[in-house]
Amino acid sequence: MIVMKKVFLSLFLFISIISSSIGQEVKITSSFDSTKIFIGDQIKFTITIDKPSGLKLALPVFKDTLCKNVEIISGPHIDSSAAQNGRIKIIHKYLITSFDSGRYQIKPVFAETKNEGGVKRFYSDYSILEVMRVKIAPADTASKIYDIIKPYKAPVTIGEVLPWVLIITLAGILIWATIRFFRKFIKSETMKEAYIPVEPAHIIAFRELEKLKNDELWQKGEIKKYYTILTDILRQYLENRFRVFSLELTTAETLDTLVKTGFKKDGSYNNLKTVLTGADLVKFAKYNPVSTENESHFQNSWNFVLATKENEIVPDSVEEKISVKEGNV
């Protein structure tokens, strides 16, 4: 009987230890709704934490990107639900997109807990996302077709080319002499004209924004044209103001280049990012914004130019007149 009691006691202690370790187990998973998307598509990235209800864990929050070229549109949206056996499940959801094709590997997400013994972390697995370009035409499955052989041309001789070379050379000399003569002739008249300074970048941007507003494109249903012109105005302003040549860059490349000039990630930066990202959704993902979004993107564009405009340099000859006018206002 004593031996049996010892066996039952040992078995009870073993089951208690196993149950306690299972009760403290933390499971973290992270995954996309789909492992493959096309450029501009939007999907959700979900992080799930299954933990004991009494265990406090800290989970990092993603802000702008999950990794390079995988951008966060919104989130995290947090939800929690109670599970059985004193456990709780916490879910973080992000809405993401990407405008650069490629295969992206998201690092494991971790949550950590701190106690007297130190810091303990719990990791999820890697998450894979493949961003694909839209195929314009299906692959050609027909047999290989060879081009038609063009007619053979006999080589051109020097005797045939030389007269044309002489004619072109003489014509070029005559044109050059004529242009030089007229430049000297009108130079004195040109010097008499008043100097017209190059317009500041913000003046050009404000004028184009005002014109875009008066055209009422999105009110007429021309949404894509409206956002194309709006982003072109901002990209031209970035080139004129900060020497960020963004007309051939993606949104992510434009923002990275702007930051490298010393531009801070402040409210103006967020306004610019919101407009460019929203425009990308319309132009590439066929997103149809509501009227309040169209007005908000226009106002964010105006505020960005207003907040980042360069102080105008006033000539000494008119500085006194301007100061007098400002004093009278």
Protein backbone atom coordinates (compact mmCIF):
# COMPACT_ATOMS: atom_id res chain seq x y z
CA MET A 1 0.00 0.00 0.00
CA ILE A 2 2.82 2.41 0.81
CA VAL A 3 4.43 1.72 -2.55
CA MET A 4 1.14 2.35 -4.35
CA LYS A 5 0.65 5.66 -2.52
CA LYS A 6 4.13 6.79 -3.57
CA VAL A 7 3.44 5.85 -7.18
CA PHE A 8 0.11 7.76 -7.20
CA LEU A 9 1.76 10.78 -5.52
CA SER A 10 4.60 10.84 -8.08
CA LEU A 11 2.12 10.50 -10.93
CA PHE A 12 0.01 13.37 -9.50
CA LEU A 13 3.06 15.66 -9.22
CA PHE A 14 4.14 14.83 -12.77
CA ILE A 15 0.69 15.63 -14.19
CA SER A 16 0.60 18.91 -12.21
CA ILE A 17 3.98 19.99 -13.60
CA ILE A 18 2.93 19.11 -17.15
CA SER A 19 -0.38 20.97 -16.76
CA SER A 20 1.38 24.02 -15.31
CA SER A 21 3.88 24.17 -18.20
CA ILE A 22 1.10 23.76 -20.76
CA GLY A 23 -0.95 26.47 -19.05
CA GLN A 24 1.99 28.93 -19.37
CA GLU A 25 2.62 28.13 -23.05
CA VAL A 26 2.49 31.12 -25.43
CA LYS A 27 1.76 30.65 -29.13
CA ILE A 28 2.35 33.44 -31.69
CA THR A 29 1.43 33.14 -35.36
CA SER A 30 1.72 35.71 -38.15
CA SER A 31 0.42 35.31 -41.69
CA PHE A 32 -1.02 37.07 -44.74
CA ASP A 33 -4.51 36.40 -46.10
CA SER A 34 -2.78 35.24 -49.28
CA THR A 35 0.84 34.47 -50.09
CA LYS A 36 0.52 35.95 -53.62
CA ILE A 37 -0.92 39.30 -54.72
CA PHE A 38 -0.71 41.64 -57.69
CA ILE A 39 0.83 45.10 -57.47
CA GLY A 40 -1.54 47.49 -55.66
CA ASP A 41 -3.75 44.77 -54.14
CA GLN A 42 -4.71 45.10 -50.49
CA ILE A 43 -4.65 42.18 -48.04
CA LYS A 44 -4.53 41.71 -44.29
CA PHE A 45 -1.52 40.71 -42.20
CA THR A 46 -2.69 39.02 -38.98
CA ILE A 47 -0.75 38.44 -35.75
CA THR A 48 -2.40 36.05 -33.26
CA ILE A 49 -1.25 35.58 -29.65
CA ASP A 50 -2.62 32.68 -27.60
CA LYS A 51 -1.54 33.12 -23.97
CA PRO A 52 -2.60 32.63 -20.35
CA SER A 53 -4.95 35.42 -19.22
CA GLY A 54 -2.69 36.41 -16.31
CA LEU A 55 0.50 36.71 -18.37
CA LYS A 56 1.45 40.24 -19.51
CA LEU A 57 3.15 40.44 -22.90
CA ALA A 58 4.48 43.40 -24.88
CA LEU A 59 4.03 43.22 -28.67
CA PRO A 60 5.85 45.66 -31.02
CA VAL A 61 3.54 47.80 -33.21
CA PHE A 62 4.39 48.29 -36.90
CA LYS A 63 3.98 51.86 -38.20
CA ASP A 64 4.81 52.52 -41.86
CA THR A 65 6.06 49.24 -43.35
CA LEU A 66 6.40 45.55 -42.51
CA CYS A 67 9.58 45.52 -44.55
CA LYS A 68 10.95 47.48 -47.50
CA ASN A 69 8.27 47.96 -50.22
CA VAL A 70 5.51 46.32 -48.13
CA GLU A 71 3.54 49.34 -46.92
CA ILE A 72 0.97 49.55 -44.11
CA ILE A 73 -2.26 51.32 -45.08
CA SER A 74 -3.99 51.05 -41.69
CA GLY A 75 -3.74 49.22 -38.39
CA PRO A 76 -3.28 47.64 -36.10
CA HIS A 77 -6.92 46.76 -35.45
CA ILE A 78 -6.86 44.89 -32.14
CA ASP A 79 -9.37 42.25 -31.03
CA SER A 80 -9.35 39.79 -28.15
CA SER A 81 -11.43 36.85 -27.06
CA ALA A 82 -11.42 34.55 -24.05
CA ALA A 83 -10.54 30.92 -24.60
CA GLN A 84 -10.97 27.88 -22.39
CA ASN A 85 -8.79 26.94 -19.39
CA GLY A 86 -8.04 30.53 -18.37
CA ARG A 87 -6.42 31.54 -21.68
CA ILE A 88 -7.00 34.57 -23.92
CA LYS A 89 -6.44 35.13 -27.63
CA ILE A 90 -5.31 38.59 -28.91
CA ILE A 91 -5.41 39.44 -32.61
CA HIS A 92 -3.63 42.34 -34.38
CA LYS A 93 -4.67 43.03 -37.99
CA TYR A 94 -2.93 45.33 -40.50
CA LEU A 95 -4.12 46.32 -43.98
CA ILE A 96 -1.09 46.27 -46.29
CA THR A 97 -0.19 46.73 -49.96
CA SER A 98 2.86 46.84 -52.22
CA PHE A 99 3.67 48.61 -55.47
CA ASP A 100 6.98 46.82 -56.18
CA SER A 101 7.04 43.27 -57.48
CA GLY A 102 9.20 40.70 -55.78
CA ARG A 103 9.29 38.04 -53.07
CA TYR A 104 9.34 39.47 -49.53
CA GLN A 105 10.14 37.58 -46.32
CA ILE A 106 8.72 39.14 -43.15
CA LYS A 107 10.84 38.49 -40.06
CA PRO A 108 9.25 36.56 -37.15
CA VAL A 109 7.06 38.68 -34.89
CA PHE A 110 7.86 38.42 -31.20
CA ALA A 111 6.20 39.23 -27.89
CA GLU A 112 8.13 39.54 -24.68
CA THR A 113 7.59 39.43 -20.94
CA LYS A 114 9.82 40.86 -18.24
CA ASN A 115 10.31 39.55 -14.73
CA GLU A 116 13.00 39.36 -12.10
CA GLY A 117 14.78 36.65 -14.07
CA GLY A 118 15.11 38.82 -17.20
CA VAL A 119 13.30 39.13 -20.53
CA LYS A 120 11.70 36.16 -22.30
CA ARG A 121 10.59 36.37 -25.92
CA PHE A 122 8.16 34.24 -27.91
CA TYR A 123 8.52 34.22 -31.73
CA SER A 124 6.26 33.43 -34.66
CA ASP A 125 7.38 31.83 -37.94
CA TYR A 126 8.54 33.74 -41.04
CA SER A 127 5.80 35.09 -43.34
CA ILE A 128 6.25 35.06 -47.12
CA LEU A 129 4.56 37.43 -49.60
CA GLU A 130 5.03 37.36 -53.38
CA VAL A 131 4.01 40.53 -55.27
CA MET A 132 3.39 39.90 -58.98
CA ARG A 133 3.02 42.17 -61.98
CA VAL A 134 -0.15 41.97 -64.05
CA LYS A 135 0.40 40.03 -67.25
CA ILE A 136 -0.65 42.24 -70.13
CA ALA A 137 -0.95 39.36 -72.62
CA PRO A 138 -0.85 35.57 -72.21
CA ALA A 139 2.28 33.68 -73.13
CA ASP A 140 2.59 32.67 -76.78
CA THR A 141 2.25 28.88 -76.99
CA ALA A 142 2.54 28.73 -80.78
CA SER A 143 5.60 27.49 -82.58
CA LYS A 144 8.44 29.92 -82.99
CA ILE A 145 7.88 32.30 -85.91
CA TYR A 146 10.85 33.82 -87.70
CA ASP A 147 10.92 37.31 -89.16
CA ILE A 148 10.71 37.81 -92.92
CA ILE A 149 14.13 38.33 -94.46
CA LYS A 150 14.43 41.91 -95.63
CA PRO A 151 15.64 42.76 -99.15
CA TYR A 152 19.40 43.02 -99.52
CA LYS A 153 20.77 46.55 -99.89
CA ALA A 154 23.96 47.34 -101.69
CA PRO A 155 26.54 49.34 -99.67
CA VAL A 156 26.63 53.11 -100.13
CA THR A 157 29.79 54.48 -101.77
CA ILE A 158 31.76 57.57 -100.73
CA GLY A 159 30.96 59.24 -104.03
CA GLU A 160 27.23 59.06 -103.22
CA VAL A 161 27.62 60.40 -99.67
CA LEU A 162 30.21 63.17 -100.20
CA PRO A 163 27.94 65.68 -102.03
CA TRP A 164 25.31 65.42 -99.29
CA VAL A 165 27.95 65.90 -96.59
CA LEU A 166 29.18 69.09 -98.28
CA ILE A 167 25.63 70.44 -98.67
CA ILE A 168 24.75 69.75 -95.03
CA THR A 169 28.03 71.31 -93.83
CA LEU A 170 27.50 74.50 -95.84
CA ALA A 171 23.88 74.73 -94.66
CA GLY A 172 25.00 74.33 -91.07
CA ILE A 173 27.60 77.09 -91.40
CA LEU A 174 25.03 79.41 -92.98
CA ILE A 175 22.47 78.76 -90.21
CA TRP A 176 25.11 79.28 -87.50
CA ALA A 177 26.22 82.59 -89.03
CA THR A 178 22.61 83.79 -89.34
CA ILE A 179 21.81 82.94 -85.72
CA ARG A 180 24.97 84.65 -84.49
CA PHE A 181 24.15 87.79 -86.46
CA PHE A 182 20.60 88.04 -85.12
CA ARG A 183 21.74 87.39 -81.55
CA LYS A 184 24.08 90.38 -81.71
CA PHE A 185 21.38 92.46 -83.37
CA ILE A 186 18.73 91.87 -80.70
CA LYS A 187 21.10 91.70 -77.72
CA SER A 188 20.87 95.43 -77.05
CA GLU A 189 17.05 95.30 -77.13
CA THR A 190 16.99 92.30 -74.82
CA MET A 191 19.16 94.06 -72.25
CA LYS A 192 16.59 96.87 -72.02
CA GLU A 193 13.81 94.53 -70.97
CA ALA A 194 13.09 94.20 -67.28
CA TYR A 195 14.43 91.10 -65.58
CA ILE A 196 11.67 88.62 -64.74
CA PRO A 197 12.76 86.36 -61.89
CA VAL A 198 11.96 82.65 -61.93
CA GLU A 199 8.79 81.96 -59.96
CA PRO A 200 9.22 80.24 -56.58
CA ALA A 201 8.21 76.59 -56.43
CA HIS A 202 5.24 77.20 -54.13
CA ILE A 203 3.79 79.91 -56.40
CA ILE A 204 3.75 77.46 -59.31
CA ALA A 205 2.27 74.72 -57.13
CA PHE A 206 -0.48 76.94 -55.70
CA ARG A 207 -1.44 78.16 -59.16
CA GLU A 208 -1.67 74.61 -60.53
CA LEU A 209 -3.63 73.42 -57.47
CA GLU A 210 -6.08 76.29 -57.86
CA LYS A 211 -6.53 75.43 -61.54
CA LEU A 212 -7.11 71.76 -60.66
CA LYS A 213 -9.73 72.76 -58.11
CA ASN A 214 -11.57 74.96 -60.62
CA ASP A 215 -11.58 72.19 -63.26
CA GLU A 216 -13.73 70.02 -60.89
CA LEU A 217 -12.45 66.78 -62.41
CA TRP A 218 -13.49 64.38 -59.66
CA GLN A 219 -16.94 66.00 -59.51
CA LYS A 220 -17.28 65.08 -63.21
CA GLY A 221 -16.26 61.46 -62.56
CA GLU A 222 -12.67 61.83 -63.88
CA ILE A 223 -11.14 60.44 -60.68
CA LYS A 224 -7.97 58.91 -62.14
CA LYS A 225 -7.15 62.06 -64.14
CA TYR A 226 -7.70 64.17 -61.01
CA TYR A 227 -5.21 62.14 -58.94
CA THR A 228 -2.70 61.94 -61.79
CA ILE A 229 -2.60 65.75 -62.08
CA LEU A 230 -2.58 66.19 -58.28
CA THR A 231 0.46 63.93 -57.79
CA ASP A 232 2.25 65.48 -60.79
CA ILE A 233 1.88 68.90 -59.15
CA LEU A 234 3.37 67.59 -55.88
CA ARG A 235 6.20 65.73 -57.62
CA GLN A 236 7.10 68.83 -59.68
CA TYR A 237 7.06 70.88 -56.48
CA LEU A 238 9.43 68.39 -54.81
CA GLU A 239 11.78 68.75 -57.79
CA ASN A 240 11.66 72.56 -57.79
CA ARG A 241 11.82 72.94 -54.01
CA PHE A 242 13.98 70.07 -52.73
CA ARG A 243 15.67 68.78 -55.92
CA VAL A 244 13.90 65.43 -55.45
CA PHE A 245 13.40 64.25 -59.03
CA SER A 246 10.41 62.02 -58.26
CA LEU A 247 8.55 62.01 -61.59
CA GLU A 248 10.17 58.66 -62.43
CA LEU A 249 10.21 57.30 -58.84
CA THR A 250 7.70 55.19 -56.94
CA THR A 251 6.01 56.56 -53.83
CA ALA A 252 8.34 54.66 -51.50
CA GLU A 253 11.44 55.82 -53.42
CA THR A 254 10.18 59.42 -53.42
CA LEU A 255 9.64 59.45 -49.65
CA ASP A 256 13.04 57.81 -48.99
CA THR A 257 14.80 60.36 -51.22
CA LEU A 258 13.00 63.25 -49.52
CA VAL A 259 14.07 62.02 -46.07
CA LYS A 260 17.69 61.77 -47.27
CA THR A 261 17.63 65.53 -47.98
CA GLY A 262 17.12 66.11 -44.26
CA PHE A 263 13.32 66.35 -44.35
CA LYS A 264 11.80 65.25 -41.05
CA LYS A 265 8.97 62.73 -40.73
CA ASP A 266 6.55 65.27 -39.30
CA GLY A 267 2.97 66.25 -40.09
CA SER A 268 3.93 67.59 -43.54
CA TYR A 269 5.65 64.28 -44.35
CA ASN A 270 2.51 62.39 -43.32
CA ASN A 271 0.33 64.67 -45.48
CA LEU A 272 2.51 63.97 -48.52
CA LYS A 273 2.59 60.23 -47.86
CA THR A 274 -1.21 60.10 -47.46
CA VAL A 275 -1.79 61.87 -50.78
CA LEU A 276 0.74 59.80 -52.78
CA THR A 277 -0.44 56.49 -51.29
CA GLY A 278 -4.09 57.35 -51.86
CA ALA A 279 -3.36 58.34 -55.46
CA ASP A 280 -1.54 55.03 -56.05
CA LEU A 281 -4.62 53.13 -54.91
CA VAL A 282 -6.76 55.02 -57.41
CA LYS A 283 -4.33 54.77 -60.35
CA PHE A 284 -3.10 51.18 -59.87
CA ALA A 285 -5.62 49.37 -57.67
CA LYS A 286 -8.78 50.95 -59.18
CA TYR A 287 -9.87 52.25 -55.78
CA ASN A 288 -12.89 54.58 -55.93
CA PRO A 289 -12.64 57.19 -53.12
CA VAL A 290 -15.60 59.11 -51.74
CA SER A 291 -15.89 62.88 -52.13
CA THR A 292 -14.59 63.60 -48.64
CA GLU A 293 -11.38 61.70 -49.44
CA ASN A 294 -10.89 63.71 -52.64
CA GLU A 295 -11.29 66.97 -50.74
CA SER A 296 -9.03 65.73 -47.93
CA HIS A 297 -6.22 64.76 -50.37
CA PHE A 298 -6.46 68.19 -52.03
CA GLN A 299 -6.30 69.98 -48.68
CA ASN A 300 -3.34 67.82 -47.54
CA SER A 301 -1.53 68.75 -50.76
CA TRP A 302 -2.20 72.45 -50.21
CA ASN A 303 -1.08 72.24 -46.57
CA PHE A 304 2.12 70.42 -47.53
CA VAL A 305 3.14 73.15 -49.99
CA LEU A 306 2.13 75.89 -47.53
CA ALA A 307 4.15 74.35 -44.67
CA THR A 308 7.29 73.64 -46.74
CA LYS A 309 7.45 76.68 -49.01
CA GLU A 310 10.73 78.55 -49.21
CA ASN A 311 10.91 82.07 -47.81
CA GLU A 312 10.92 84.56 -50.66
CA ILE A 313 13.95 86.86 -51.06
CA VAL A 314 12.81 90.46 -51.42
CA PRO A 315 15.08 92.81 -53.46
CA ASP A 316 16.55 95.74 -51.52
CA SER A 317 14.90 98.25 -53.88
CA VAL A 318 11.38 97.14 -52.93
CA GLU A 319 11.94 95.87 -49.38
CA GLU A 320 11.13 99.26 -47.86
CA LYS A 321 7.88 99.59 -49.86
CA ILE A 322 6.74 96.13 -48.83
CA SER A 323 7.46 96.78 -45.16
CA VAL A 324 5.45 100.01 -45.34
CA LYS A 325 2.50 98.17 -46.90
CA GLU A 326 2.62 95.45 -44.27
CA GLY A 327 2.65 98.11 -41.56
CA ASN A 328 -0.50 99.70 -42.98
CA VAL A 329 -2.43 96.40 -43.07
